Amino acid sequence: MASSLAAAAGATLAGKTSLAAGQIAAPVPGAIAESVIKQARFPDGFLWGTASASYQNEGAWKEDGKGESIWDRFTHTPGKVRGGVTGDVSCDQYHLYPQDIALAKSLNVKSHRFSISWPRIQPSGIGAPNMKGIDHYSRFVDTLLAAGIRPWCTMYHWDLPQALEDKGGWPNRDLAGYFADYAGILGKHLGDRITTWAPFNMPWAVAFMSYAAGAFPPQRTSFTDYLKAAHTLALAQAEANRVVKAASPKATVGSAFEMAPSYPKTNSPEDHAAADRYHNMNNVFFLEATMKGRYPNAFVGEPPLEQMGFKPGDEKLLLAPLDWIGFHFYGRRLVSDASKEIFASGGAFSGTEIESNTPGGRDPYTRFRAGMPTEGPLTESGIEIWPRGIYDLVTRITKEYDHPFLEITESGCGYLDSPNEQGRVPDTRRIDWYRQVLAELSRAIADGAKVRAYHAWTLLDNFQWGEGYTERYGLIYTDFRSQKRTIKDSGHWYAKVAASNRLDV
């Protein structure tokens, strides 16, 4: 998961105040009624899961032949990460995965989404595979299967081999071919046991945050580089789909897209159109490319295909329909039009995952402003709690793509609760967040959405990208000094939900 890129947008939660006699508490904006939560049910066979990522959990950053990744380089550069920390050790899951998978089993998890570190498999991003890396993931997958947990593999969760960034990174179209070779290696060596694959985690963030916003490595601030990177990623997504299926006939390929339901800031036609552009750019840009071989109408005017590096015939290369659609949910966006304003510049990254409020909005092509609202209460990571958003998002994707099978690939909240004197972690706010969001997901399923899985972000507290270790999203508390794991109250609650398919447990 992207760290709380929303941190700059939000204030911290205010402490609760007691009510005077006779006072009636005001309803919490966006909250779901307790009666709705108690009635929520999930279908038989629903897959309760957890999600994680290689760099955020594994540690062992230069062990067993692993090459340097862009996040290794970035975190070792002073001033880049809050607290000056790195993912060199993190949860040390490279060594401790047997106990972590045992903990996942104890939570009744039936699906675990993990990612493979490309530089563990190909240290320089090209060439023959590093068999020590292959063997590690082979053991990891075998341990999941022995625990009765479906191995769900993201091929790329942001840790690009540094050697490929040195070749130009994702704006270099050659990376689509390199990535296809990597996907073929994974399919050949692991495709006999892994049947659930996604090429990328949050490809929009890979392109925008790294090459336009300058927030993630390599911290470029060129919108043209972003457009080129986006096109390379879309080509790579389709090539990986085809290659892994050629290597493994049992493979099914889906996605792990970041999505946020977009709402117009006002009821004006212009803001409605801007909210649609946001949806097309930030939610379904890569989905539309692979499902239909074209980019959606995310731009004011014609798509800037020349700037993207689009070549004749690319529409055929982009087309590789997914077997199912996966996406994340954390919060919503309010979007306003910026098409009539004089465009000044791309603006500096604001920390909100979107853009700063410079004249003209984010860029000269999409011309919208998107903000993270604060009408509802905020988590400690600064993200608004708005459970209705998951219902609106799931039902919209269901309608637009003709009732596909869906999986929620990440969803969770950041709170800093720690063990008390009794050794418990009473993170009641996290439980309340999940109860409300899952109640709305249940309602979407009841209304016809074919959602078959939900993956909580995340199994363990881990390295949260630019926020370092200052945010905790796990169902399990990690003591990063001792590596002791403690199941939080939310983890025990999630285990009961997974066992019963209901929220009133």
Protein backbone atom coordinates (compact mmCIF):
# COMPACT_ATOMS: atom_id res chain seq x y z
CA MET A 1 0.00 0.00 0.00
CA ALA A 2 1.08 3.53 -0.58
CA SER A 3 1.94 5.04 2.74
CA SER A 4 -0.57 7.53 3.91
CA LEU A 5 0.14 9.95 1.13
CA ALA A 6 -2.79 11.75 2.64
CA ALA A 7 -0.89 12.77 5.73
CA ALA A 8 -0.45 16.33 4.55
CA ALA A 9 -4.16 16.67 3.98
CA GLY A 10 -5.43 15.85 7.41
CA ALA A 11 -5.53 16.92 10.97
CA THR A 12 -5.31 14.35 13.73
CA LEU A 13 -8.38 12.92 15.37
CA ALA A 14 -9.71 15.06 18.13
CA GLY A 15 -10.15 13.50 21.54
CA LYS A 16 -13.66 12.52 22.57
CA THR A 17 -15.52 14.89 24.83
CA SER A 18 -18.23 13.94 27.29
CA LEU A 19 -21.77 15.16 26.75
CA ALA A 20 -23.66 17.28 29.23
CA ALA A 21 -26.87 15.88 30.69
CA GLY A 22 -29.66 15.89 28.14
CA GLN A 23 -27.32 16.54 25.20
CA ILE A 24 -27.76 14.36 22.13
CA ALA A 25 -24.61 13.30 20.32
CA ALA A 26 -24.51 14.54 16.73
CA PRO A 27 -24.34 11.74 14.18
CA VAL A 28 -20.86 11.11 12.82
CA PRO A 29 -20.73 12.21 9.16
CA GLY A 30 -20.59 9.20 6.86
CA ALA A 31 -21.06 6.62 9.65
CA ILE A 32 -23.00 3.42 9.01
CA ALA A 33 -25.87 2.49 11.33
CA GLU A 34 -25.23 -0.32 13.80
CA SER A 35 -28.36 -2.11 12.58
CA VAL A 36 -26.92 -2.28 9.06
CA ILE A 37 -23.63 -3.66 10.37
CA LYS A 38 -25.40 -6.38 12.37
CA GLN A 39 -27.38 -7.51 9.33
CA ALA A 40 -24.34 -7.76 7.04
CA ARG A 41 -23.58 -11.21 5.64
CA PHE A 42 -21.05 -12.59 3.16
CA PRO A 43 -21.58 -15.55 0.82
CA ASP A 44 -20.32 -19.05 1.43
CA GLY A 45 -16.85 -19.46 -0.02
CA PHE A 46 -16.00 -15.77 0.35
CA LEU A 47 -12.23 -15.43 0.62
CA TRP A 48 -11.04 -13.45 3.63
CA GLY A 49 -7.45 -12.44 3.07
CA THR A 50 -4.54 -10.19 3.87
CA ALA A 51 -2.22 -8.20 1.65
CA SER A 52 1.49 -7.37 1.86
CA ALA A 53 4.46 -6.30 -0.24
CA SER A 54 8.04 -7.50 -0.63
CA TYR A 55 9.99 -4.34 0.21
CA GLN A 56 7.67 -3.44 3.07
CA ASN A 57 8.10 -6.77 4.86
CA GLU A 58 11.03 -8.88 3.76
CA GLY A 59 14.23 -7.14 4.82
CA ALA A 60 17.31 -9.15 3.72
CA TRP A 61 17.94 -6.34 1.27
CA LYS A 62 21.21 -7.67 -0.14
CA GLU A 63 21.02 -11.35 0.79
CA ASP A 64 21.21 -14.44 -1.45
CA GLY A 65 22.18 -12.53 -4.57
CA LYS A 66 19.44 -9.91 -4.50
CA GLY A 67 20.21 -6.80 -6.53
CA GLU A 68 19.66 -3.19 -5.50
CA SER A 69 16.15 -1.79 -5.96
CA ILE A 70 15.15 1.83 -6.41
CA TRP A 71 13.74 1.75 -2.87
CA ASP A 72 17.06 0.48 -1.50
CA ARG A 73 18.78 3.43 -3.15
CA PHE A 74 16.09 5.89 -2.07
CA THR A 75 15.94 4.88 1.59
CA HIS A 76 19.73 4.92 1.88
CA THR A 77 19.74 8.55 0.71
CA PRO A 78 19.57 10.90 3.73
CA GLY A 79 16.40 12.93 4.08
CA LYS A 80 14.13 10.80 1.92
CA VAL A 81 12.19 8.80 4.55
CA ARG A 82 10.63 9.98 7.78
CA GLY A 83 12.99 9.16 10.64
CA GLY A 84 15.85 8.31 8.30
CA VAL A 85 14.90 4.62 8.35
CA THR A 86 15.13 1.92 5.68
CA GLY A 87 13.52 -1.38 4.81
CA ASP A 88 16.83 -3.22 5.24
CA VAL A 89 15.29 -5.40 7.97
CA SER A 90 11.68 -4.26 8.38
CA CYS A 91 9.71 -7.33 9.58
CA ASP A 92 12.53 -9.70 8.55
CA GLN A 93 9.89 -11.77 6.81
CA TYR A 94 12.49 -13.21 4.44
CA HIS A 95 13.58 -15.32 7.41
CA LEU A 96 10.47 -15.32 9.60
CA TYR A 97 7.81 -16.13 6.99
CA PRO A 98 6.93 -19.57 8.47
CA GLN A 99 5.74 -17.96 11.69
CA ASP A 100 3.95 -15.17 9.83
CA ILE A 101 2.06 -17.63 7.66
CA ALA A 102 1.17 -19.63 10.76
CA LEU A 103 -0.23 -16.43 12.28
CA ALA A 104 -2.23 -15.79 9.10
CA LYS A 105 -3.68 -19.28 9.35
CA SER A 106 -4.66 -18.62 12.97
CA LEU A 107 -6.64 -15.61 11.71
CA ASN A 108 -8.59 -17.94 9.37
CA VAL A 109 -7.08 -16.20 6.34
CA LYS A 110 -7.80 -18.12 3.11
CA SER A 111 -5.99 -15.84 0.65
CA HIS A 112 -2.72 -13.95 1.05
CA ARG A 113 -1.64 -11.35 -1.45
CA PHE A 114 2.14 -10.93 -1.53
CA SER A 115 4.60 -9.53 -4.04
CA ILE A 116 7.81 -10.82 -5.49
CA SER A 117 10.90 -8.63 -5.49
CA TRP A 118 12.07 -8.32 -9.10
CA PRO A 119 15.74 -7.73 -8.08
CA ARG A 120 15.66 -10.99 -6.07
CA ILE A 121 14.82 -12.83 -9.29
CA GLN A 122 16.90 -10.78 -11.73
CA PRO A 123 19.42 -8.64 -9.81
CA SER A 124 19.96 -6.32 -12.77
CA GLY A 125 16.45 -6.67 -14.18
CA ILE A 126 17.53 -8.80 -17.14
CA GLY A 127 19.15 -12.14 -17.78
CA ALA A 128 19.06 -15.56 -16.14
CA PRO A 129 17.14 -15.92 -12.88
CA ASN A 130 18.84 -15.95 -9.50
CA MET A 131 17.81 -19.41 -8.30
CA LYS A 132 18.24 -18.52 -4.63
CA GLY A 133 15.51 -15.94 -5.10
CA ILE A 134 13.29 -18.42 -6.95
CA ASP A 135 13.84 -21.01 -4.22
CA HIS A 136 12.83 -18.54 -1.49
CA TYR A 137 9.49 -17.77 -3.11
CA SER A 138 8.95 -21.43 -3.91
CA ARG A 139 9.25 -22.25 -0.20
CA PHE A 140 7.03 -19.28 0.67
CA VAL A 141 4.30 -20.51 -1.69
CA ASP A 142 4.57 -24.09 -0.45
CA THR A 143 4.16 -22.87 3.13
CA LEU A 144 1.03 -20.90 2.18
CA LEU A 145 -0.48 -23.90 0.45
CA ALA A 146 0.30 -26.16 3.39
CA ALA A 147 -1.60 -23.68 5.60
CA GLY A 148 -4.63 -23.82 3.31
CA ILE A 149 -4.05 -20.28 2.05
CA ARG A 150 -4.33 -19.27 -1.61
CA PRO A 151 -1.06 -17.70 -2.83
CA TRP A 152 -2.00 -14.44 -4.61
CA CYS A 153 1.01 -12.95 -6.37
CA THR A 154 1.69 -9.36 -7.37
CA MET A 155 4.61 -9.44 -9.77
CA TYR A 156 5.67 -5.85 -9.09
CA HIS A 157 5.02 -3.77 -5.98
CA TRP A 158 7.29 -0.79 -6.68
CA ASP A 159 10.80 -2.24 -6.08
CA LEU A 160 12.25 -1.81 -9.57
CA PRO A 161 15.82 -3.05 -10.06
CA GLN A 162 18.00 0.05 -9.82
CA ALA A 163 19.87 -1.08 -12.93
CA LEU A 164 16.68 -0.64 -14.97
CA GLU A 165 16.06 2.82 -13.54
CA ASP A 166 19.58 3.59 -14.69
CA LYS A 167 18.40 2.61 -18.20
CA GLY A 168 15.67 5.25 -18.04
CA GLY A 169 13.08 3.61 -15.81
CA TRP A 170 9.45 3.14 -16.80
CA PRO A 171 9.45 5.96 -19.38
CA ASN A 172 11.80 3.68 -21.36
CA ARG A 173 9.55 1.52 -23.52
CA ASP A 174 12.12 -1.30 -23.41
CA LEU A 175 11.01 -2.05 -19.85
CA ALA A 176 7.80 -3.60 -21.17
CA GLY A 177 9.89 -6.33 -22.77
CA TYR A 178 12.13 -6.75 -19.75
CA PHE A 179 9.06 -7.08 -17.52
CA ALA A 180 7.54 -9.68 -19.84
CA ASP A 181 10.75 -11.75 -19.54
CA TYR A 182 10.54 -11.49 -15.75
CA ALA A 183 6.87 -12.54 -15.79
CA GLY A 184 7.78 -15.55 -17.91
CA ILE A 185 10.38 -16.62 -15.35
CA LEU A 186 7.79 -16.42 -12.57
CA GLY A 187 5.26 -18.39 -14.57
CA LYS A 188 7.77 -21.09 -15.44
CA HIS A 189 9.06 -21.65 -11.91
CA LEU A 190 5.98 -20.87 -9.78
CA GLY A 191 3.01 -21.19 -12.10
CA ASP A 192 2.43 -24.83 -11.17
CA ARG A 193 1.28 -23.61 -7.73
CA ILE A 194 0.33 -19.94 -8.10
CA THR A 195 -2.84 -19.50 -10.14
CA THR A 196 -3.78 -15.96 -9.09
CA TRP A 197 -1.59 -13.20 -10.53
CA ALA A 198 -1.54 -9.43 -11.01
CA PRO A 199 1.24 -7.73 -12.94
CA PHE A 200 1.32 -4.45 -10.97
CA ASN A 201 0.34 -2.88 -7.70
CA MET A 202 -1.07 0.60 -8.32
CA PRO A 203 0.40 1.28 -11.77
CA TRP A 204 -0.97 4.84 -11.72
CA ALA A 205 1.09 5.54 -8.60
CA VAL A 206 4.16 3.89 -10.15
CA ALA A 207 3.96 6.33 -13.04
CA PHE A 208 2.64 9.49 -11.41
CA MET A 209 4.28 9.45 -8.00
CA SER A 210 7.70 8.59 -9.43
CA TYR A 211 7.84 10.60 -12.63
CA ALA A 212 5.37 13.52 -12.31
CA ALA A 213 4.91 14.26 -8.61
CA GLY A 214 8.49 13.50 -7.65
CA ALA A 215 7.42 11.91 -4.37
CA PHE A 216 8.78 8.40 -4.96
CA PRO A 217 12.06 7.28 -6.51
CA PRO A 218 13.48 8.42 -8.88
CA GLN A 219 11.69 11.68 -7.96
CA ARG A 220 11.30 13.12 -11.43
CA THR A 221 8.83 15.95 -12.03
CA SER A 222 8.10 15.64 -15.74
CA PHE A 223 4.53 15.11 -16.88
CA THR A 224 5.83 13.84 -20.22
CA ASP A 225 7.86 11.20 -18.39
CA TYR A 226 4.69 10.26 -16.51
CA LEU A 227 2.73 9.81 -19.75
CA LYS A 228 5.51 7.68 -21.24
CA ALA A 229 5.78 5.62 -18.05
CA ALA A 230 2.02 5.04 -18.02
CA HIS A 231 2.08 3.74 -21.58
CA THR A 232 5.05 1.45 -20.89
CA LEU A 233 3.26 0.07 -17.82
CA ALA A 234 0.09 -0.56 -19.80
CA LEU A 235 2.05 -2.41 -22.47
CA ALA A 236 3.92 -4.39 -19.81
CA GLN A 237 0.66 -5.26 -18.07
CA ALA A 238 -0.70 -6.88 -21.22
CA GLU A 239 2.55 -8.62 -22.13
CA ALA A 240 2.84 -10.10 -18.64
CA ASN A 241 -0.73 -11.39 -18.88
CA ARG A 242 0.01 -13.21 -22.11
CA VAL A 243 3.41 -14.51 -21.02
CA VAL A 244 2.38 -15.93 -17.65
CA LYS A 245 -0.57 -17.72 -19.25
CA ALA A 246 1.70 -19.19 -21.91
CA ALA A 247 4.00 -20.49 -19.17
CA SER A 248 1.20 -21.68 -16.88
CA PRO A 249 -2.13 -22.83 -18.34
CA LYS A 250 -3.67 -22.68 -14.84
CA ALA A 251 -2.90 -18.97 -14.46
CA THR A 252 -5.66 -16.41 -14.00
CA VAL A 253 -4.65 -12.77 -14.28
CA GLY A 254 -6.34 -9.82 -12.65
CA SER A 255 -5.25 -6.51 -11.22
CA ALA A 256 -4.38 -4.60 -8.06
CA PHE A 257 -5.35 -1.07 -9.06
CA GLU A 258 -5.63 1.85 -6.69
CA MET A 259 -9.11 3.33 -6.89
CA ALA A 260 -11.03 6.01 -5.02
CA PRO A 261 -14.65 6.89 -5.69
CA SER A 262 -14.78 10.37 -7.19
CA TYR A 263 -17.52 12.86 -6.40
CA PRO A 264 -17.97 16.31 -7.98
CA LYS A 265 -17.20 19.15 -5.57
CA THR A 266 -20.30 21.01 -6.76
CA ASN A 267 -23.30 20.00 -8.85
CA SER A 268 -22.04 21.93 -11.87
CA PRO A 269 -21.69 20.10 -15.20
CA GLU A 270 -18.03 21.12 -15.24
CA ASP A 271 -17.28 19.46 -11.88
CA HIS A 272 -19.22 16.35 -12.91
CA ALA A 273 -17.08 16.14 -16.06
CA ALA A 274 -13.92 16.67 -13.98
CA ALA A 275 -14.93 13.87 -11.60
CA ASP A 276 -15.36 11.60 -14.61
CA ARG A 277 -11.90 12.55 -15.86
CA TYR A 278 -10.50 11.70 -12.44
CA HIS A 279 -12.21 8.31 -12.53
CA ASN A 280 -10.88 7.63 -16.02
CA MET A 281 -7.31 8.67 -15.19
CA ASN A 282 -6.81 7.51 -11.62
CA ASN A 283 -9.20 4.54 -11.41
CA VAL A 284 -9.65 2.85 -14.79
CA PHE A 285 -6.89 4.14 -17.08
CA PHE A 286 -4.99 0.83 -17.03
CA LEU A 287 -8.15 -1.24 -16.70
CA GLU A 288 -9.69 0.23 -19.85
CA ALA A 289 -6.41 -0.24 -21.70
CA THR A 290 -6.21 -3.96 -21.02
CA MET A 291 -9.95 -4.70 -21.32
CA LYS A 292 -10.60 -2.72 -24.51
CA GLY A 293 -7.24 -1.90 -26.06
CA ARG A 294 -7.71 1.85 -25.68
CA TYR A 295 -7.29 4.59 -23.14
CA PRO A 296 -10.38 6.14 -21.56
CA ASN A 297 -11.44 9.75 -22.01
CA ALA A 298 -9.31 11.12 -19.18
CA PHE A 299 -8.16 14.26 -20.97
CA VAL A 300 -9.50 17.66 -21.93
CA GLY A 301 -9.32 17.24 -25.68
CA GLU A 302 -7.67 14.38 -27.50
CA PRO A 303 -5.36 11.97 -25.65
CA PRO A 304 -1.71 13.08 -25.95
CA LEU A 305 -0.71 9.87 -27.69
CA GLU A 306 2.43 11.31 -29.24
CA GLN A 307 3.74 12.43 -25.85
CA MET A 308 2.93 8.97 -24.49
CA GLY A 309 5.08 7.31 -27.14
CA PHE A 310 2.09 5.53 -28.67
CA LYS A 311 2.96 3.67 -31.88
CA PRO A 312 0.71 2.28 -34.62
CA GLY A 313 -0.54 -1.14 -33.56
CA ASP A 314 -0.17 -0.47 -29.84
CA GLU A 315 -3.92 -0.82 -29.38
CA LYS A 316 -3.53 -4.51 -30.20
CA LEU A 317 -0.60 -4.86 -27.79
CA LEU A 318 -2.57 -3.21 -24.98
CA LEU A 319 -5.51 -5.59 -25.30
CA ALA A 320 -5.31 -8.53 -22.88
CA PRO A 321 -8.63 -8.84 -21.02
CA LEU A 322 -8.43 -9.70 -17.34
CA ASP A 323 -10.06 -12.78 -15.83
CA TRP A 324 -11.22 -10.71 -12.85
CA ILE A 325 -10.74 -7.17 -11.57
CA GLY A 326 -9.00 -6.27 -8.33
CA PHE A 327 -8.71 -2.86 -6.71
CA HIS A 328 -7.95 -1.15 -3.41
CA PHE A 329 -10.19 0.99 -1.22
CA TYR A 330 -9.10 3.50 1.41
CA GLY A 331 -11.06 6.73 0.91
CA ARG A 332 -12.82 9.03 -1.53
CA ARG A 333 -11.98 12.18 -3.54
CA LEU A 334 -13.82 15.43 -4.21
CA VAL A 335 -13.02 16.69 -7.68
CA SER A 336 -13.41 20.12 -9.28
CA ASP A 337 -12.86 21.42 -12.77
CA ALA A 338 -9.76 23.43 -13.64
CA SER A 339 -10.15 23.57 -17.43
CA LYS A 340 -10.99 27.28 -17.60
CA GLU A 341 -8.14 28.46 -15.43
CA ILE A 342 -4.87 29.71 -16.84
CA PHE A 343 -2.39 26.86 -16.59
CA ALA A 344 0.69 27.93 -14.66
CA SER A 345 2.81 24.84 -14.09
CA GLY A 346 2.59 21.28 -12.88
CA GLY A 347 2.94 22.46 -9.32
CA ALA A 348 4.75 20.86 -6.44
CA PHE A 349 3.63 17.60 -4.87
CA SER A 350 1.30 18.38 -1.98
CA GLY A 351 1.41 15.11 -0.10
CA THR A 352 -2.19 14.24 -0.92
CA GLU A 353 -1.48 11.74 -3.71
CA ILE A 354 -3.00 14.12 -6.22
CA GLU A 355 -1.69 17.61 -6.85
CA SER A 356 -1.17 21.03 -5.36
CA ASN A 357 -3.67 23.82 -5.82
CA THR A 358 -1.75 25.63 -8.53
CA PRO A 359 -3.75 27.50 -11.17
CA GLY A 360 -4.94 25.10 -13.81
CA GLY A 361 -5.00 22.04 -11.61
CA ARG A 362 -2.58 19.19 -11.82
CA ASP A 363 -1.51 19.27 -15.47
CA PRO A 364 -2.39 20.70 -18.90
CA TYR A 365 -4.13 17.50 -20.03
CA THR A 366 -6.59 16.34 -17.37
CA ARG A 367 -7.24 19.78 -15.82
CA PHE A 368 -8.90 18.78 -12.59
CA ARG A 369 -8.25 19.28 -8.92
CA ALA A 370 -8.86 16.37 -6.57
CA GLY A 371 -8.90 16.71 -2.82
CA MET A 372 -9.14 14.30 0.07
CA PRO A 373 -12.20 15.38 2.06
CA THR A 374 -12.34 15.82 5.81
CA GLU A 375 -16.11 15.81 6.34
CA GLY A 376 -15.95 12.44 8.05
CA PRO A 377 -13.57 11.61 10.90
CA LEU A 378 -9.94 10.94 10.05
CA THR A 379 -7.73 8.00 10.83
CA GLU A 380 -4.37 8.67 12.45
CA SER A 381 -2.89 8.47 8.96
CA GLY A 382 -5.03 11.43 7.93
CA ILE A 383 -7.48 9.60 5.64
CA GLU A 384 -11.18 10.35 5.92
CA ILE A 385 -13.46 7.52 7.05
CA TRP A 386 -16.23 7.32 4.45
CA PRO A 387 -17.54 3.73 4.25
CA ARG A 388 -20.16 4.51 1.58
CA GLY A 389 -17.28 4.99 -0.81
CA ILE A 390 -16.61 1.28 -1.19
CA TYR A 391 -20.26 0.64 -2.10
CA ASP A 392 -20.21 3.37 -4.74
CA LEU A 393 -16.90 2.21 -6.18
CA VAL A 394 -17.79 -1.49 -6.32
CA THR A 395 -21.19 -0.87 -7.90
CA ARG A 396 -19.74 1.55 -10.47
CA ILE A 397 -17.05 -0.88 -11.63
CA THR A 398 -19.66 -3.66 -11.64
CA LYS A 399 -21.90 -1.63 -13.96
CA GLU A 400 -19.16 -0.29 -16.24
CA TYR A 401 -17.51 -3.68 -16.83
CA ASP A 402 -20.64 -5.85 -17.00
CA HIS A 403 -20.61 -7.63 -13.64
CA PRO A 404 -17.06 -9.06 -13.56
CA PHE A 405 -15.68 -11.05 -10.65
CA LEU A 406 -14.11 -8.56 -8.26
CA GLU A 407 -11.56 -8.77 -5.46
CA ILE A 408 -10.75 -6.04 -2.96
CA THR A 409 -6.97 -6.27 -3.10
CA GLU A 410 -6.17 -3.83 -0.27
CA SER A 411 -8.23 -2.01 2.29
CA GLY A 412 -7.41 -0.87 5.80
CA CYS A 413 -6.63 1.99 8.16
CA GLY A 414 -3.69 3.43 10.07
CA TYR A 415 -3.80 3.65 13.88
CA LEU A 416 -0.86 3.61 16.29
CA ASP A 417 -2.31 1.46 19.10
CA SER A 418 0.39 -0.52 20.92
CA PRO A 419 0.46 -3.30 23.52
CA ASN A 420 -0.94 -2.39 26.95
CA GLU A 421 0.26 -3.66 30.32
CA GLN A 422 -1.55 -6.94 29.77
CA GLY A 423 0.13 -7.42 26.39
CA ARG A 424 -3.05 -6.80 24.40
CA VAL A 425 -3.42 -4.29 21.57
CA PRO A 426 -6.97 -2.90 21.99
CA ASP A 427 -7.32 -1.19 18.60
CA THR A 428 -11.07 -0.67 18.73
CA ARG A 429 -10.99 2.15 16.16
CA ARG A 430 -9.60 -0.24 13.54
CA ILE A 431 -12.37 -2.75 14.29
CA ASP A 432 -14.95 -0.01 13.93
CA TRP A 433 -13.43 1.07 10.58
CA TYR A 434 -13.58 -2.48 9.22
CA ARG A 435 -17.13 -3.06 10.51
CA GLN A 436 -18.44 -0.02 8.67
CA VAL A 437 -16.54 -0.54 5.42
CA LEU A 438 -17.35 -4.25 5.29
CA ALA A 439 -21.03 -3.57 5.96
CA GLU A 440 -21.09 -1.40 2.84
CA LEU A 441 -19.22 -4.07 0.87
CA SER A 442 -21.81 -6.62 1.98
CA ARG A 443 -24.54 -4.29 0.74
CA ALA A 444 -22.86 -4.06 -2.67
CA ILE A 445 -22.74 -7.86 -2.87
CA ALA A 446 -26.43 -8.05 -1.91
CA ASP A 447 -27.13 -5.62 -4.76
CA GLY A 448 -25.48 -7.92 -7.30
CA ALA A 449 -21.74 -7.21 -7.26
CA LYS A 450 -19.67 -10.38 -7.70
CA VAL A 451 -17.09 -9.68 -5.02
CA ARG A 452 -15.32 -12.90 -4.09
CA ALA A 453 -12.48 -11.74 -1.81
CA TYR A 454 -11.39 -9.01 0.59
CA HIS A 455 -7.74 -8.50 1.53
CA ALA A 456 -7.08 -6.46 4.65
CA TRP A 457 -4.08 -4.15 4.53
CA THR A 458 -2.11 -5.52 6.17
CA LEU A 459 -1.10 -8.69 8.02
CA LEU A 460 1.79 -7.09 9.95
CA ASP A 461 2.76 -3.55 10.79
CA ASN A 462 5.55 -2.88 8.31
CA PHE A 463 7.64 -0.28 6.48
CA GLN A 464 5.22 2.33 5.13
CA TRP A 465 7.27 3.79 2.29
CA GLY A 466 8.05 7.49 2.80
CA GLU A 467 6.42 7.43 6.24
CA GLY A 468 8.90 4.81 7.45
CA TYR A 469 7.68 3.15 10.66
CA THR A 470 5.44 6.03 11.79
CA GLU A 471 2.22 4.38 10.59
CA ARG A 472 0.71 1.03 11.57
CA TYR A 473 -1.87 -0.72 9.41
CA GLY A 474 -1.43 -4.31 10.58
CA LEU A 475 -3.82 -6.78 12.15
CA ILE A 476 -0.67 -7.90 13.97
CA TYR A 477 1.60 -5.56 15.94
CA THR A 478 5.29 -5.73 15.02
CA ASP A 479 7.96 -4.77 17.53
CA PHE A 480 10.65 -3.79 15.04
CA ARG A 481 13.44 -4.08 17.62
CA SER A 482 12.67 -7.59 18.86
CA GLN A 483 10.62 -8.80 15.86
CA LYS A 484 7.96 -10.00 18.30
CA ARG A 485 4.50 -10.26 16.77
CA THR A 486 1.32 -9.60 18.79
CA ILE A 487 -2.11 -10.20 17.31
CA LYS A 488 -4.17 -7.05 17.84
CA ASP A 489 -7.79 -7.14 18.96
CA SER A 490 -8.66 -6.32 15.35
CA GLY A 491 -6.83 -9.47 14.25
CA HIS A 492 -8.81 -11.63 16.68
CA TRP A 493 -12.01 -9.94 15.49
CA TYR A 494 -11.08 -10.49 11.81
CA ALA A 495 -10.52 -14.18 12.53
CA LYS A 496 -14.07 -14.48 13.86
CA VAL A 497 -15.48 -12.66 10.84
CA ALA A 498 -13.55 -14.93 8.49
CA ALA A 499 -14.92 -17.99 10.26
CA SER A 500 -18.56 -16.83 10.22
CA ASN A 501 -19.02 -14.53 7.19
CA ARG A 502 -20.76 -11.98 9.40
CA LEU A 503 -19.73 -8.83 11.26
CA ASP A 504 -21.72 -9.17 14.48
CA VAL A 505 -19.18 -11.42 16.18
